[in-house]
Amino acid sequence: MKKLLYWTVAIKSFAAMFFTGFIFLYMVLGTLYGIFTGEAFEYAVSFTFIIQSIALSVIISLLWTAFFDDAVIKKMRYFLRLIIFSLTLLPAFGLCFFVFQAVSAEWTNLWLIIAGFMVVGLIIISLLFESYFKMIGRRYTDTLNDYKEKQG
């Protein structure tokens, strides 16, 4: 029960952060997109966008937890996890794009821009984590080597 609660809370929190990111990017980039294209941007979020944002937020958080939590995959390089994560996420973005285009072609380009920002943001965050883990690993190795020298 404890593990189920751990996973549920983590996935829910992560999905909420991604959903907030989608809505925030929609508002900010929608304004900029309207300025650059000359189209009037209405500050109303379409129902389709909300449903897709919720679905993608849950999918992203499930995949993130599966690939980047050490409980599922014990020993794999972080960068390899990032590549597999990205490759599994692409079909989800593609499916949402085609559904969004079929339901409402209005602001499809904006949705592509927002999805692109989310993917780039995920990659940047993942690369920052990769560099952080390498730095921690180097510190650990240096500390271990110092300890071996003092003991030997």
C-alpha atoms as a PDB file:
ATOM      1  CA  MET A   1       0.000   0.000   0.000  1.00  0.00           C
ATOM      2  CA  LYS A   2       2.890   2.310   0.820  1.00  0.00           C
ATOM      3  CA  LYS A   3       4.425   1.821  -2.638  1.00  0.00           C
ATOM      4  CA  LEU A   4       1.079   2.435  -4.349  1.00  0.00           C
ATOM      5  CA  LEU A   5       0.688   5.704  -2.460  1.00  0.00           C
ATOM      6  CA  TYR A   6       4.266   6.685  -3.325  1.00  0.00           C
ATOM      7  CA  TRP A   7       3.668   6.096  -7.035  1.00  0.00           C
ATOM      8  CA  THR A   8       0.227   7.716  -7.075  1.00  0.00           C
ATOM      9  CA  VAL A   9       1.340  10.884  -5.304  1.00  0.00           C
ATOM     10  CA  ALA A  10       4.468  11.195  -7.443  1.00  0.00           C
ATOM     11  CA  ILE A  11       2.608  10.700 -10.719  1.00  0.00           C
ATOM     12  CA  LYS A  12      -0.224  13.014  -9.684  1.00  0.00           C
ATOM     13  CA  SER A  13       2.166  15.767  -8.647  1.00  0.00           C
ATOM     14  CA  PHE A  14       4.258  15.416 -11.773  1.00  0.00           C
ATOM     15  CA  ALA A  15       1.167  15.403 -14.017  1.00  0.00           C
ATOM     16  CA  ALA A  16      -0.130  18.540 -12.283  1.00  0.00           C
ATOM     17  CA  MET A  17       3.177  20.305 -12.947  1.00  0.00           C
ATOM     18  CA  PHE A  18       3.098  19.353 -16.620  1.00  0.00           C
ATOM     19  CA  PHE A  19      -0.543  20.391 -17.010  1.00  0.00           C
ATOM     20  CA  THR A  20       0.264  23.751 -15.454  1.00  0.00           C
ATOM     21  CA  GLY A  21       3.191  24.066 -17.846  1.00  0.00           C
ATOM     22  CA  PHE A  22       0.962  23.329 -20.843  1.00  0.00           C
ATOM     23  CA  ILE A  23      -1.607  25.947 -19.832  1.00  0.00           C
ATOM     24  CA  PHE A  24       1.069  28.532 -18.988  1.00  0.00           C
ATOM     25  CA  LEU A  25       2.832  27.983 -22.318  1.00  0.00           C
ATOM     26  CA  TYR A  26      -0.503  28.145 -24.134  1.00  0.00           C
ATOM     27  CA  MET A  27      -1.269  31.566 -22.703  1.00  0.00           C
ATOM     28  CA  VAL A  28       2.208  33.069 -23.110  1.00  0.00           C
ATOM     29  CA  LEU A  29       2.972  31.590 -26.522  1.00  0.00           C
ATOM     30  CA  GLY A  30      -0.585  32.205 -27.705  1.00  0.00           C
ATOM     31  CA  THR A  31      -0.147  35.901 -27.056  1.00  0.00           C
ATOM     32  CA  LEU A  32       3.210  35.952 -28.854  1.00  0.00           C
ATOM     33  CA  TYR A  33       1.862  33.837 -31.699  1.00  0.00           C
ATOM     34  CA  GLY A  34      -1.072  36.215 -32.117  1.00  0.00           C
ATOM     35  CA  ILE A  35       1.268  39.209 -32.203  1.00  0.00           C
ATOM     36  CA  PHE A  36       3.596  37.665 -34.784  1.00  0.00           C
ATOM     37  CA  THR A  37       0.876  36.277 -37.062  1.00  0.00           C
ATOM     38  CA  GLY A  38      -1.491  39.207 -36.698  1.00  0.00           C
ATOM     39  CA  GLU A  39      -4.358  36.946 -35.656  1.00  0.00           C
ATOM     40  CA  ALA A  40      -6.398  37.857 -32.609  1.00  0.00           C
ATOM     41  CA  PHE A  41      -5.674  35.456 -29.770  1.00  0.00           C
ATOM     42  CA  GLU A  42      -8.644  34.700 -27.575  1.00  0.00           C
ATOM     43  CA  TYR A  43      -7.661  33.927 -24.032  1.00  0.00           C
ATOM     44  CA  ALA A  44     -10.001  30.973 -23.915  1.00  0.00           C
ATOM     45  CA  VAL A  45      -8.576  27.491 -23.740  1.00  0.00           C
ATOM     46  CA  SER A  46     -10.346  25.001 -25.959  1.00  0.00           C
ATOM     47  CA  PHE A  47     -11.811  21.849 -24.477  1.00  0.00           C
ATOM     48  CA  THR A  48      -9.717  19.714 -26.849  1.00  0.00           C
ATOM     49  CA  PHE A  49      -6.524  21.384 -25.675  1.00  0.00           C
ATOM     50  CA  ILE A  50      -7.414  20.771 -22.029  1.00  0.00           C
ATOM     51  CA  ILE A  51      -8.206  17.092 -22.628  1.00  0.00           C
ATOM     52  CA  GLN A  52      -4.997  16.601 -24.597  1.00  0.00           C
ATOM     53  CA  SER A  53      -2.975  18.456 -21.979  1.00  0.00           C
ATOM     54  CA  ILE A  54      -4.367  16.221 -19.259  1.00  0.00           C
ATOM     55  CA  ALA A  55      -3.717  13.083 -21.309  1.00  0.00           C
ATOM     56  CA  LEU A  56      -0.180  14.130 -22.211  1.00  0.00           C
ATOM     57  CA  SER A  57       0.559  15.198 -18.635  1.00  0.00           C
ATOM     58  CA  VAL A  58      -0.447  11.785 -17.321  1.00  0.00           C
ATOM     59  CA  ILE A  59       1.443   9.954 -20.110  1.00  0.00           C
ATOM     60  CA  ILE A  60       4.583  12.056 -19.583  1.00  0.00           C
ATOM     61  CA  SER A  61       4.495  11.567 -15.812  1.00  0.00           C
ATOM     62  CA  LEU A  62       3.959   7.799 -16.133  1.00  0.00           C
ATOM     63  CA  LEU A  63       6.798   7.459 -18.631  1.00  0.00           C
ATOM     64  CA  TRP A  64       9.054   9.742 -16.594  1.00  0.00           C
ATOM     65  CA  THR A  65       8.429   7.735 -13.454  1.00  0.00           C
ATOM     66  CA  ALA A  66       8.979   4.457 -15.309  1.00  0.00           C
ATOM     67  CA  PHE A  67      12.229   5.517 -16.969  1.00  0.00           C
ATOM     68  CA  PHE A  68      13.815   7.844 -14.433  1.00  0.00           C
ATOM     69  CA  ASP A  69      12.809   6.362 -11.093  1.00  0.00           C
ATOM     70  CA  ASP A  70      15.351   3.767 -10.006  1.00  0.00           C
ATOM     71  CA  ALA A  71      12.594   1.491  -8.725  1.00  0.00           C
ATOM     72  CA  VAL A  72      11.707   0.367 -12.265  1.00  0.00           C
ATOM     73  CA  ILE A  73      15.018   0.432 -14.125  1.00  0.00           C
ATOM     74  CA  LYS A  74      17.898  -0.256 -11.783  1.00  0.00           C
ATOM     75  CA  LYS A  75      21.044   0.186 -13.858  1.00  0.00           C
ATOM     76  CA  MET A  76      20.955   2.110 -17.085  1.00  0.00           C
ATOM     77  CA  ARG A  77      22.749   5.246 -18.166  1.00  0.00           C
ATOM     78  CA  TYR A  78      20.657   8.342 -17.781  1.00  0.00           C
ATOM     79  CA  PHE A  79      21.250   9.458 -21.360  1.00  0.00           C
ATOM     80  CA  LEU A  80      20.045   6.091 -22.692  1.00  0.00           C
ATOM     81  CA  ARG A  81      16.947   6.424 -20.534  1.00  0.00           C
ATOM     82  CA  LEU A  82      16.375   9.868 -22.038  1.00  0.00           C
ATOM     83  CA  ILE A  83      16.594   8.519 -25.581  1.00  0.00           C
ATOM     84  CA  ILE A  84      14.149   5.684 -24.872  1.00  0.00           C
ATOM     85  CA  PHE A  85      11.827   8.080 -23.033  1.00  0.00           C
ATOM     86  CA  SER A  86      11.847  10.503 -25.971  1.00  0.00           C
ATOM     87  CA  LEU A  87      11.186   7.749 -28.497  1.00  0.00           C
ATOM     88  CA  THR A  88       8.216   6.457 -26.521  1.00  0.00           C
ATOM     89  CA  LEU A  89       6.856   9.967 -26.088  1.00  0.00           C
ATOM     90  CA  LEU A  90       6.875  10.837 -29.799  1.00  0.00           C
ATOM     91  CA  PRO A  91       3.896   8.597 -30.696  1.00  0.00           C
ATOM     92  CA  ALA A  92       1.849  10.193 -27.907  1.00  0.00           C
ATOM     93  CA  PHE A  93       2.562  13.682 -29.257  1.00  0.00           C
ATOM     94  CA  GLY A  94       1.841  12.514 -32.800  1.00  0.00           C
ATOM     95  CA  LEU A  95      -1.491  10.977 -31.815  1.00  0.00           C
ATOM     96  CA  CYS A  96      -2.542  14.108 -29.958  1.00  0.00           C
ATOM     97  CA  PHE A  97      -1.541  16.250 -32.919  1.00  0.00           C
ATOM     98  CA  PHE A  98      -3.648  14.232 -35.356  1.00  0.00           C
ATOM     99  CA  VAL A  99      -6.633  14.202 -33.005  1.00  0.00           C
ATOM    100  CA  PHE A 100      -6.274  17.933 -32.422  1.00  0.00           C
ATOM    101  CA  GLN A 101      -6.045  18.635 -36.137  1.00  0.00           C
ATOM    102  CA  ALA A 102      -9.080  16.450 -36.891  1.00  0.00           C
ATOM    103  CA  VAL A 103     -11.217  18.069 -34.208  1.00  0.00           C
ATOM    104  CA  SER A 104     -10.071  21.656 -34.576  1.00  0.00           C
ATOM    105  CA  ALA A 105      -7.561  22.977 -37.079  1.00  0.00           C
ATOM    106  CA  GLU A 106      -7.616  26.360 -35.362  1.00  0.00           C
ATOM    107  CA  TRP A 107      -4.342  27.106 -33.559  1.00  0.00           C
ATOM    108  CA  THR A 108      -2.740  23.817 -34.598  1.00  0.00           C
ATOM    109  CA  ASN A 109       0.556  25.595 -35.211  1.00  0.00           C
ATOM    110  CA  LEU A 110       0.411  26.999 -31.685  1.00  0.00           C
ATOM    111  CA  TRP A 111      -0.100  23.501 -30.322  1.00  0.00           C
ATOM    112  CA  LEU A 112       2.958  22.299 -32.236  1.00  0.00           C
ATOM    113  CA  ILE A 113       5.008  25.152 -30.799  1.00  0.00           C
ATOM    114  CA  ILE A 114       3.844  24.348 -27.261  1.00  0.00           C
ATOM    115  CA  ALA A 115       4.581  20.636 -27.707  1.00  0.00           C
ATOM    116  CA  GLY A 116       8.010  21.524 -29.061  1.00  0.00           C
ATOM    117  CA  PHE A 117       8.725  23.724 -26.046  1.00  0.00           C
ATOM    118  CA  MET A 118       7.656  20.924 -23.702  1.00  0.00           C
ATOM    119  CA  VAL A 119       9.914  18.400 -25.460  1.00  0.00           C
ATOM    120  CA  VAL A 120      12.873  20.795 -25.478  1.00  0.00           C
ATOM    121  CA  GLY A 121      12.230  21.620 -21.821  1.00  0.00           C
ATOM    122  CA  LEU A 122      12.171  17.931 -20.906  1.00  0.00           C
ATOM    123  CA  ILE A 123      15.414  17.338 -22.783  1.00  0.00           C
ATOM    124  CA  ILE A 124      17.106  20.303 -21.095  1.00  0.00           C
ATOM    125  CA  ILE A 125      15.942  19.163 -17.656  1.00  0.00           C
ATOM    126  CA  SER A 126      17.124  15.637 -18.385  1.00  0.00           C
ATOM    127  CA  LEU A 127      20.526  16.812 -19.583  1.00  0.00           C
ATOM    128  CA  LEU A 128      20.897  18.935 -16.456  1.00  0.00           C
ATOM    129  CA  PHE A 129      20.119  15.864 -14.360  1.00  0.00           C
ATOM    130  CA  GLU A 130      22.663  13.857 -16.371  1.00  0.00           C
ATOM    131  CA  SER A 131      25.386  16.420 -15.700  1.00  0.00           C
ATOM    132  CA  TYR A 132      24.397  16.588 -12.024  1.00  0.00           C
ATOM    133  CA  PHE A 133      24.635  12.802 -11.659  1.00  0.00           C
ATOM    134  CA  LYS A 134      28.025  12.799 -13.372  1.00  0.00           C
ATOM    135  CA  MET A 135      29.249  15.505 -11.007  1.00  0.00           C
ATOM    136  CA  ILE A 136      27.996  13.570  -7.964  1.00  0.00           C
ATOM    137  CA  GLY A 137      29.615  10.398  -9.339  1.00  0.00           C
ATOM    138  CA  ARG A 138      32.958  12.156  -9.771  1.00  0.00           C
ATOM    139  CA  ARG A 139      32.771  13.502  -6.208  1.00  0.00           C
ATOM    140  CA  TYR A 140      31.997  10.058  -4.896  1.00  0.00           C
ATOM    141  CA  THR A 141      34.896   8.536  -6.867  1.00  0.00           C
ATOM    142  CA  ASP A 142      37.305  11.222  -5.662  1.00  0.00           C
ATOM    143  CA  THR A 143      36.210  10.722  -2.055  1.00  0.00           C
ATOM    144  CA  LEU A 144      36.590   6.965  -2.410  1.00  0.00           C
ATOM    145  CA  ASN A 145      40.064   7.335  -3.940  1.00  0.00           C
ATOM    146  CA  ASP A 146      41.117   9.698  -1.120  1.00  0.00           C
ATOM    147  CA  TYR A 147      39.872   7.179   1.423  1.00  0.00           C
ATOM    148  CA  LYS A 148      41.786   4.352  -0.282  1.00  0.00           C
ATOM    149  CA  GLU A 149      44.992   6.426  -0.296  1.00  0.00           C
ATOM    150  CA  LYS A 150      44.657   7.200   3.416  1.00  0.00           C
ATOM    151  CA  GLN A 151      43.953   3.559   4.257  1.00  0.00           C
ATOM    152  CA  GLY A 152      46.699   2.132   2.010  1.00  0.00           C
END
